[in-house]
Amino acid sequence: MSENNPLRDVYDAIADPTRRRLIRLLAEKEEIPLHELTAQFQMGRTAVSKHLAILKEAGLVLDRKVGRETRFRLNASPLKEIQDWVAFYSKFWSSNLLRLNQLLEEEEE
């Protein structure tokens, strides 16, 4: 589980391509009603709502009611955990590839 949210792990939440697409759509606008999100997928409202619920449990999505409509917006702060994880391994691979390159250059001499 995520340190930020004991309900749903942020890695688990973004593992699904549909949820990653939802995050991208939400990142493009300040707020989007459920019916507009549903129109972007070849699945029903219930299925989209289930994906949004998973993202909400991970703290990635916030929602609010406006009349009978539910609007969703992205809360990107939990993605910092993933960014930090990727940054660590990016440094790891950069360092290892640099050492490999140096070894190859030494062998050529």
C-alpha atoms as a PDB file:
ATOM      1  CA  MET A   1       0.000   0.000   0.000  1.00  0.00           C
ATOM      2  CA  SER A   2       1.021   3.574  -0.570  1.00  0.00           C
ATOM      3  CA  GLU A   3       2.415   5.605   2.304  1.00  0.00           C
ATOM      4  CA  ASN A   4       0.081   8.423   1.211  1.00  0.00           C
ATOM      5  CA  ASN A   5      -3.114   6.387   1.212  1.00  0.00           C
ATOM      6  CA  PRO A   6      -3.732   3.160   3.121  1.00  0.00           C
ATOM      7  CA  LEU A   7      -6.862   2.375   1.060  1.00  0.00           C
ATOM      8  CA  ARG A   8      -5.391   1.845  -2.415  1.00  0.00           C
ATOM      9  CA  ASP A   9      -1.834   1.686  -3.677  1.00  0.00           C
ATOM     10  CA  VAL A  10      -1.099   4.376  -6.257  1.00  0.00           C
ATOM     11  CA  TYR A  11       0.904   1.859  -8.335  1.00  0.00           C
ATOM     12  CA  ASP A  12      -2.078  -0.494  -8.413  1.00  0.00           C
ATOM     13  CA  ALA A  13      -4.348   2.389  -9.378  1.00  0.00           C
ATOM     14  CA  ILE A  14      -2.273   3.382 -12.411  1.00  0.00           C
ATOM     15  CA  ALA A  15      -1.547  -0.180 -13.511  1.00  0.00           C
ATOM     16  CA  ASP A  16      -4.647  -0.268 -15.696  1.00  0.00           C
ATOM     17  CA  PRO A  17      -4.499   1.472 -19.126  1.00  0.00           C
ATOM     18  CA  THR A  18      -8.056   2.772 -18.753  1.00  0.00           C
ATOM     19  CA  ARG A  19      -7.183   4.471 -15.475  1.00  0.00           C
ATOM     20  CA  ARG A  20      -4.023   5.953 -16.980  1.00  0.00           C
ATOM     21  CA  ARG A  21      -6.155   7.367 -19.796  1.00  0.00           C
ATOM     22  CA  LEU A  22      -8.598   8.799 -17.260  1.00  0.00           C
ATOM     23  CA  ILE A  23      -5.691  10.496 -15.484  1.00  0.00           C
ATOM     24  CA  ARG A  24      -4.516  11.983 -18.784  1.00  0.00           C
ATOM     25  CA  LEU A  25      -8.001  13.276 -19.598  1.00  0.00           C
ATOM     26  CA  LEU A  26      -8.342  14.792 -16.143  1.00  0.00           C
ATOM     27  CA  ALA A  27      -4.909  16.410 -16.436  1.00  0.00           C
ATOM     28  CA  GLU A  28      -6.014  18.223 -19.589  1.00  0.00           C
ATOM     29  CA  LYS A  29      -8.913  20.049 -17.907  1.00  0.00           C
ATOM     30  CA  GLU A  30      -9.573  21.570 -14.539  1.00  0.00           C
ATOM     31  CA  GLU A  31     -12.720  19.511 -13.992  1.00  0.00           C
ATOM     32  CA  ILE A  32     -14.754  17.057 -16.083  1.00  0.00           C
ATOM     33  CA  PRO A  33     -18.309  15.769 -15.572  1.00  0.00           C
ATOM     34  CA  LEU A  34     -18.800  12.005 -15.528  1.00  0.00           C
ATOM     35  CA  HIS A  35     -20.838  11.994 -18.741  1.00  0.00           C
ATOM     36  CA  GLU A  36     -17.960  13.686 -20.635  1.00  0.00           C
ATOM     37  CA  LEU A  37     -15.465  11.133 -19.309  1.00  0.00           C
ATOM     38  CA  THR A  38     -17.777   8.245 -20.197  1.00  0.00           C
ATOM     39  CA  ALA A  39     -18.086   9.545 -23.764  1.00  0.00           C
ATOM     40  CA  GLN A  40     -14.324   9.025 -24.203  1.00  0.00           C
ATOM     41  CA  PHE A  41     -14.546   5.253 -23.664  1.00  0.00           C
ATOM     42  CA  GLN A  42     -16.269   2.286 -25.264  1.00  0.00           C
ATOM     43  CA  MET A  43     -17.687   1.172 -21.946  1.00  0.00           C
ATOM     44  CA  GLY A  44     -20.656   2.110 -19.847  1.00  0.00           C
ATOM     45  CA  ARG A  45     -20.984   4.712 -17.149  1.00  0.00           C
ATOM     46  CA  THR A  46     -20.810   2.070 -14.410  1.00  0.00           C
ATOM     47  CA  ALA A  47     -17.461   0.740 -15.656  1.00  0.00           C
ATOM     48  CA  VAL A  48     -15.969   4.233 -15.901  1.00  0.00           C
ATOM     49  CA  SER A  49     -17.300   5.004 -12.413  1.00  0.00           C
ATOM     50  CA  LYS A  50     -15.579   1.888 -11.038  1.00  0.00           C
ATOM     51  CA  HIS A  51     -12.248   3.006 -12.511  1.00  0.00           C
ATOM     52  CA  LEU A  52     -12.757   6.491 -11.079  1.00  0.00           C
ATOM     53  CA  ALA A  53     -13.530   4.973  -7.670  1.00  0.00           C
ATOM     54  CA  ILE A  54     -10.190   3.135  -7.707  1.00  0.00           C
ATOM     55  CA  LEU A  55      -8.386   6.346  -8.633  1.00  0.00           C
ATOM     56  CA  LYS A  56     -10.271   8.161  -5.888  1.00  0.00           C
ATOM     57  CA  GLU A  57      -9.275   5.525  -3.305  1.00  0.00           C
ATOM     58  CA  ALA A  58      -5.643   6.136  -4.262  1.00  0.00           C
ATOM     59  CA  GLY A  59      -6.129   9.863  -3.798  1.00  0.00           C
ATOM     60  CA  LEU A  60      -5.590  10.597  -7.491  1.00  0.00           C
ATOM     61  CA  VAL A  61      -9.099  11.874  -8.184  1.00  0.00           C
ATOM     62  CA  LEU A  62     -11.344  14.279  -6.334  1.00  0.00           C
ATOM     63  CA  ASP A  63     -15.034  14.655  -7.051  1.00  0.00           C
ATOM     64  CA  ARG A  64     -17.824  17.060  -6.212  1.00  0.00           C
ATOM     65  CA  LYS A  65     -21.532  17.154  -6.822  1.00  0.00           C
ATOM     66  CA  VAL A  66     -22.987  20.031  -8.823  1.00  0.00           C
ATOM     67  CA  GLY A  67     -26.727  19.492  -8.817  1.00  0.00           C
ATOM     68  CA  ARG A  68     -27.304  15.977 -10.109  1.00  0.00           C
ATOM     69  CA  GLU A  69     -23.932  15.890 -11.862  1.00  0.00           C
ATOM     70  CA  THR A  70     -20.646  14.588 -10.478  1.00  0.00           C
ATOM     71  CA  ARG A  71     -17.508  16.373 -11.625  1.00  0.00           C
ATOM     72  CA  PHE A  72     -14.029  14.958 -11.326  1.00  0.00           C
ATOM     73  CA  ARG A  73     -10.592  16.535 -11.161  1.00  0.00           C
ATOM     74  CA  LEU A  74      -7.075  15.230 -10.886  1.00  0.00           C
ATOM     75  CA  ASN A  75      -5.097  15.356  -7.665  1.00  0.00           C
ATOM     76  CA  ALA A  76      -1.600  14.724  -9.004  1.00  0.00           C
ATOM     77  CA  SER A  77       0.248  14.827  -5.682  1.00  0.00           C
ATOM     78  CA  PRO A  78       0.200  11.007  -5.172  1.00  0.00           C
ATOM     79  CA  LEU A  79       2.013  10.692  -8.526  1.00  0.00           C
ATOM     80  CA  LYS A  80       5.069  12.230  -6.809  1.00  0.00           C
ATOM     81  CA  GLU A  81       5.662   8.819  -5.216  1.00  0.00           C
ATOM     82  CA  ILE A  82       5.921   7.269  -8.679  1.00  0.00           C
ATOM     83  CA  GLN A  83       8.068  10.108  -9.988  1.00  0.00           C
ATOM     84  CA  ASP A  84      10.506   9.608  -7.100  1.00  0.00           C
ATOM     85  CA  TRP A  85      10.629   5.857  -7.717  1.00  0.00           C
ATOM     86  CA  VAL A  86      11.271   6.299 -11.449  1.00  0.00           C
ATOM     87  CA  ALA A  87      13.893   8.999 -10.764  1.00  0.00           C
ATOM     88  CA  PHE A  88      15.824   6.601  -8.509  1.00  0.00           C
ATOM     89  CA  TYR A  89      15.945   3.914 -11.185  1.00  0.00           C
ATOM     90  CA  SER A  90      16.715   6.442 -13.880  1.00  0.00           C
ATOM     91  CA  LYS A  91      19.831   7.439 -11.925  1.00  0.00           C
ATOM     92  CA  PHE A  92      20.604   3.757 -11.342  1.00  0.00           C
ATOM     93  CA  TRP A  93      20.478   2.913 -15.054  1.00  0.00           C
ATOM     94  CA  SER A  94      22.314   6.067 -16.100  1.00  0.00           C
ATOM     95  CA  SER A  95      25.107   5.238 -13.701  1.00  0.00           C
ATOM     96  CA  ASN A  96      25.297   1.601 -14.821  1.00  0.00           C
ATOM     97  CA  LEU A  97      25.189   2.481 -18.510  1.00  0.00           C
ATOM     98  CA  LEU A  98      27.946   5.040 -17.981  1.00  0.00           C
ATOM     99  CA  ARG A  99      30.103   2.385 -16.302  1.00  0.00           C
ATOM    100  CA  LEU A 100      29.335  -0.087 -19.090  1.00  0.00           C
ATOM    101  CA  ASN A 101      30.303   2.513 -21.673  1.00  0.00           C
ATOM    102  CA  GLN A 102      33.590   3.153 -19.849  1.00  0.00           C
ATOM    103  CA  LEU A 103      34.343  -0.583 -19.737  1.00  0.00           C
ATOM    104  CA  LEU A 104      33.637  -0.924 -23.459  1.00  0.00           C
ATOM    105  CA  GLU A 105      35.890   2.031 -24.236  1.00  0.00           C
ATOM    106  CA  GLU A 106      38.673   0.512 -22.117  1.00  0.00           C
ATOM    107  CA  GLU A 107      38.339  -2.802 -23.967  1.00  0.00           C
ATOM    108  CA  GLU A 108      38.651  -1.050 -27.326  1.00  0.00           C
ATOM    109  CA  GLU A 109      41.985   0.525 -26.304  1.00  0.00           C
END
